[in-house]
Amino acid sequence: MAKYTGPKTRIARKFGEPIYGADKYFDKRNYPPGFHGPSRRRRKLSEYGTQLKEKQKAKYTYGVLEKQFANLFHKAQRTKGITGEVLLQFLESRLDNVVYRLGISRTRAAARQLVNHRHITVNGKVLDIASYLVRPGDVIGVREKSKSLEIILDSLASASRTRFAWLEWDHNLMSGKFLNLPERSEIPENIKEQLIVELYSK
């Protein structure tokens, strides 16, 4: 599957925030990329440009391609609730994102790789589909043969792990439970989902 493999700091600078996590290079140059640097005069974005930028930010943040993102949006439209919030709930429910939120990996890209390489289980069965939408009650764990992987142990031992209200983690079993869909106020990503809804409504 195609994926973005270019410089992540450049993308973070484009959106003006470290969407991939802590980045010392972004901290040093937290202005849009370009030959003239921060002194360059930039035209004000149009309404469409602002909406498109917000959609691109969401795509890069969650590592989702255009077609996948569009499919999730249309599914959110058909689902009961506020479309923008439901969209973010779907993005948060992706298996790679849940693995990341549980702290099994340090980044979503690393989580996607763990899933693709068959290190992750859902309800006891190995699942290698990163876009799989986890349901409330599902148990996500590390495959028995993979529990000694250094990359997983290092991530789990990280002191900066954040706990999320909709997830429950069992350190002894190295597995977590997806309790419920998160409320919008619980999702920490700085995404203005209403702009995305307006973009697709054109």
Protein backbone atom coordinates (compact mmCIF):
# COMPACT_ATOMS: atom_id res chain seq x y z
CA MET A 1 0.00 0.00 0.00
CA ALA A 2 1.27 3.49 -0.82
CA LYS A 3 2.24 5.68 2.10
CA TYR A 4 4.04 8.95 2.79
CA THR A 5 7.76 8.33 3.40
CA GLY A 6 9.10 11.87 3.03
CA PRO A 7 10.47 14.20 5.74
CA LYS A 8 7.94 14.44 8.57
CA THR A 9 9.25 17.70 9.96
CA ARG A 10 8.48 19.40 6.64
CA ILE A 11 4.86 18.25 6.86
CA ALA A 12 4.62 19.40 10.49
CA ARG A 13 5.98 22.83 9.50
CA LYS A 14 3.41 23.01 6.71
CA PHE A 15 0.59 22.73 9.26
CA GLY A 16 2.32 24.77 11.94
CA GLU A 17 2.22 22.10 14.62
CA PRO A 18 4.09 18.84 15.44
CA ILE A 19 1.39 16.45 14.18
CA TYR A 20 3.75 13.48 14.38
CA GLY A 21 4.70 14.09 18.01
CA ALA A 22 7.67 15.75 19.71
CA ASP A 23 10.14 17.03 17.09
CA LYS A 24 13.25 19.02 18.02
CA TYR A 25 13.73 20.10 14.40
CA PHE A 26 10.19 21.52 14.28
CA ASP A 27 10.85 23.42 17.53
CA LYS A 28 13.85 25.10 15.89
CA ARG A 29 12.05 26.00 12.65
CA ASN A 30 8.34 26.18 13.42
CA TYR A 31 7.40 28.15 10.32
CA PRO A 32 6.22 26.94 6.88
CA PRO A 33 8.91 25.41 4.64
CA GLY A 34 10.19 27.40 1.70
CA PHE A 35 13.26 29.10 0.27
CA HIS A 36 12.71 32.46 1.96
CA GLY A 37 11.93 31.03 5.38
CA PRO A 38 9.86 32.96 7.92
CA SER A 39 10.33 36.30 6.12
CA ARG A 40 8.41 35.14 3.06
CA ARG A 41 5.14 36.97 2.45
CA ARG A 42 2.34 34.45 2.24
CA ARG A 43 -1.07 34.96 0.72
CA LYS A 44 -4.08 34.46 2.94
CA LEU A 45 -5.73 31.09 2.37
CA SER A 46 -9.17 31.03 0.77
CA GLU A 47 -12.06 29.32 2.52
CA TYR A 48 -11.56 26.26 0.32
CA GLY A 49 -7.82 26.30 1.02
CA THR A 50 -8.41 26.39 4.77
CA GLN A 51 -10.84 23.46 4.57
CA LEU A 52 -8.51 21.44 2.35
CA LYS A 53 -5.57 22.08 4.67
CA GLU A 54 -7.58 20.77 7.63
CA LYS A 55 -8.44 17.59 5.73
CA GLN A 56 -4.79 17.10 4.75
CA LYS A 57 -3.74 17.59 8.36
CA ALA A 58 -6.15 14.88 9.50
CA LYS A 59 -4.93 12.50 6.78
CA TYR A 60 -1.26 12.98 7.67
CA THR A 61 -1.93 12.80 11.41
CA TYR A 62 -3.64 9.41 11.19
CA GLY A 63 -1.64 8.14 8.21
CA VAL A 64 -4.70 7.59 6.01
CA LEU A 65 -4.73 7.79 2.21
CA GLU A 66 -7.23 9.87 0.22
CA LYS A 67 -9.55 7.03 -0.79
CA GLN A 68 -9.56 5.54 2.71
CA PHE A 69 -10.31 8.94 4.21
CA ALA A 70 -13.17 9.60 1.78
CA ASN A 71 -14.67 6.18 2.51
CA LEU A 72 -14.52 6.83 6.25
CA PHE A 73 -16.16 10.23 5.79
CA HIS A 74 -19.04 8.80 3.74
CA LYS A 75 -19.48 6.05 6.33
CA ALA A 76 -19.60 8.73 9.03
CA GLN A 77 -22.30 10.56 7.03
CA ARG A 78 -24.44 7.44 7.08
CA THR A 79 -23.94 6.90 10.80
CA LYS A 80 -26.15 8.44 13.47
CA GLY A 81 -24.50 11.38 15.19
CA ILE A 82 -22.53 14.51 14.30
CA THR A 83 -20.63 13.65 11.12
CA GLY A 84 -17.35 15.36 12.06
CA GLU A 85 -17.21 13.75 15.49
CA VAL A 86 -18.14 10.33 14.11
CA LEU A 87 -15.34 10.68 11.53
CA LEU A 88 -12.79 11.29 14.29
CA GLN A 89 -14.18 8.35 16.26
CA PHE A 90 -13.65 6.11 13.23
CA LEU A 91 -10.10 7.38 12.83
CA GLU A 92 -9.44 6.71 16.52
CA SER A 93 -10.91 3.21 16.13
CA ARG A 94 -8.41 2.14 13.46
CA LEU A 95 -6.32 -0.75 14.73
CA ASP A 96 -3.00 1.01 14.09
CA ASN A 97 -4.19 4.05 16.04
CA VAL A 98 -5.43 1.92 18.96
CA VAL A 99 -2.07 0.12 19.12
CA TYR A 100 -0.41 3.56 19.25
CA ARG A 101 -2.80 4.90 21.90
CA LEU A 102 -2.22 1.84 24.08
CA GLY A 103 1.49 2.61 24.06
CA ILE A 104 2.54 -0.58 22.27
CA SER A 105 4.35 1.65 19.77
CA ARG A 106 5.75 5.18 19.94
CA THR A 107 4.23 6.36 16.64
CA ARG A 108 1.29 5.49 14.40
CA ALA A 109 3.71 4.54 11.60
CA ALA A 110 5.45 2.07 13.93
CA ALA A 111 2.05 0.74 15.04
CA ARG A 112 1.05 0.19 11.41
CA GLN A 113 4.24 -1.79 10.86
CA LEU A 114 3.61 -3.95 13.93
CA VAL A 115 0.13 -4.75 12.66
CA ASN A 116 1.33 -5.47 9.10
CA HIS A 117 4.05 -7.78 10.43
CA ARG A 118 1.48 -9.81 12.38
CA HIS A 119 2.61 -8.90 15.90
CA ILE A 120 -0.85 -7.77 17.05
CA THR A 121 -3.96 -9.75 17.96
CA VAL A 122 -7.62 -8.76 18.24
CA ASN A 123 -9.71 -10.98 20.50
CA GLY A 124 -6.93 -13.56 20.47
CA LYS A 125 -6.59 -13.77 16.69
CA VAL A 126 -3.68 -12.31 14.72
CA LEU A 127 -4.87 -9.44 12.53
CA ASP A 128 -2.66 -7.71 9.96
CA ILE A 129 -5.11 -5.09 8.67
CA ALA A 130 -4.09 -1.67 10.03
CA SER A 131 -7.35 -0.05 8.88
CA TYR A 132 -9.54 -2.54 10.78
CA LEU A 133 -12.07 -0.63 12.89
CA VAL A 134 -11.94 -1.85 16.48
CA ARG A 135 -15.31 -2.20 18.23
CA PRO A 136 -16.19 -1.57 21.89
CA GLY A 137 -15.35 -4.67 23.88
CA ASP A 138 -12.53 -5.81 21.56
CA VAL A 139 -9.29 -6.87 23.22
CA ILE A 140 -6.09 -5.81 21.46
CA GLY A 141 -2.91 -7.57 22.48
CA VAL A 142 0.63 -8.46 21.54
CA ARG A 143 1.11 -11.85 19.93
CA GLU A 144 2.72 -14.34 22.34
CA LYS A 145 5.82 -14.79 20.14
CA SER A 146 6.25 -11.00 19.89
CA LYS A 147 6.09 -10.09 23.60
CA SER A 148 9.88 -10.05 23.87
CA LEU A 149 10.40 -7.65 20.95
CA GLU A 150 12.66 -4.81 22.08
CA ILE A 151 10.72 -2.16 20.15
CA ILE A 152 7.51 -3.10 21.99
CA LEU A 153 9.13 -3.41 25.43
CA ASP A 154 10.87 -0.04 25.02
CA SER A 155 7.63 1.65 24.08
CA LEU A 156 5.69 0.10 26.97
CA ALA A 157 8.42 1.12 29.39
CA SER A 158 8.29 4.74 28.26
CA ALA A 159 7.50 7.07 31.16
CA SER A 160 5.62 9.48 28.90
CA ARG A 161 2.76 7.09 28.07
CA THR A 162 -0.63 8.73 28.29
CA ARG A 163 -3.69 6.84 29.44
CA PHE A 164 -6.97 7.35 27.63
CA ALA A 165 -10.40 7.01 29.21
CA TRP A 166 -11.78 4.78 26.46
CA LEU A 167 -8.92 2.26 26.73
CA GLU A 168 -7.96 -0.18 29.46
CA TRP A 169 -4.45 -1.69 29.64
CA ASP A 170 -3.31 -4.88 31.39
CA HIS A 171 0.47 -4.77 31.72
CA ASN A 172 0.78 -8.42 32.79
CA LEU A 173 -1.14 -9.74 29.79
CA MET A 174 0.26 -7.06 27.47
CA SER A 175 -3.22 -6.43 26.13
CA GLY A 176 -5.77 -3.65 26.21
CA LYS A 177 -9.52 -3.35 25.92
CA PHE A 178 -11.34 -0.87 23.72
CA LEU A 179 -14.06 0.17 26.18
CA ASN A 180 -16.08 2.59 24.11
CA LEU A 181 -15.91 5.18 21.35
CA PRO A 182 -14.20 8.32 22.66
CA GLU A 183 -16.07 11.58 23.14
CA ARG A 184 -14.81 14.49 21.04
CA SER A 185 -13.50 16.23 24.15
CA GLU A 186 -11.34 13.18 24.92
CA ILE A 187 -9.57 13.13 21.54
CA PRO A 188 -6.42 15.26 21.89
CA GLU A 189 -5.79 15.93 18.20
CA ASN A 190 -6.10 19.57 17.15
CA ILE A 191 -8.37 19.00 14.17
CA LYS A 192 -11.29 21.25 13.21
CA GLU A 193 -13.53 18.49 11.88
CA GLN A 194 -16.33 20.90 10.90
CA LEU A 195 -14.07 22.34 8.19
CA ILE A 196 -13.68 18.85 6.73
CA VAL A 197 -17.45 18.37 6.72
CA GLU A 198 -17.88 21.69 4.93
CA LEU A 199 -15.28 20.69 2.35
CA TYR A 200 -17.05 17.44 1.47
CA SER A 201 -20.40 19.23 1.39
CA LYS A 202 -19.39 21.43 -1.54
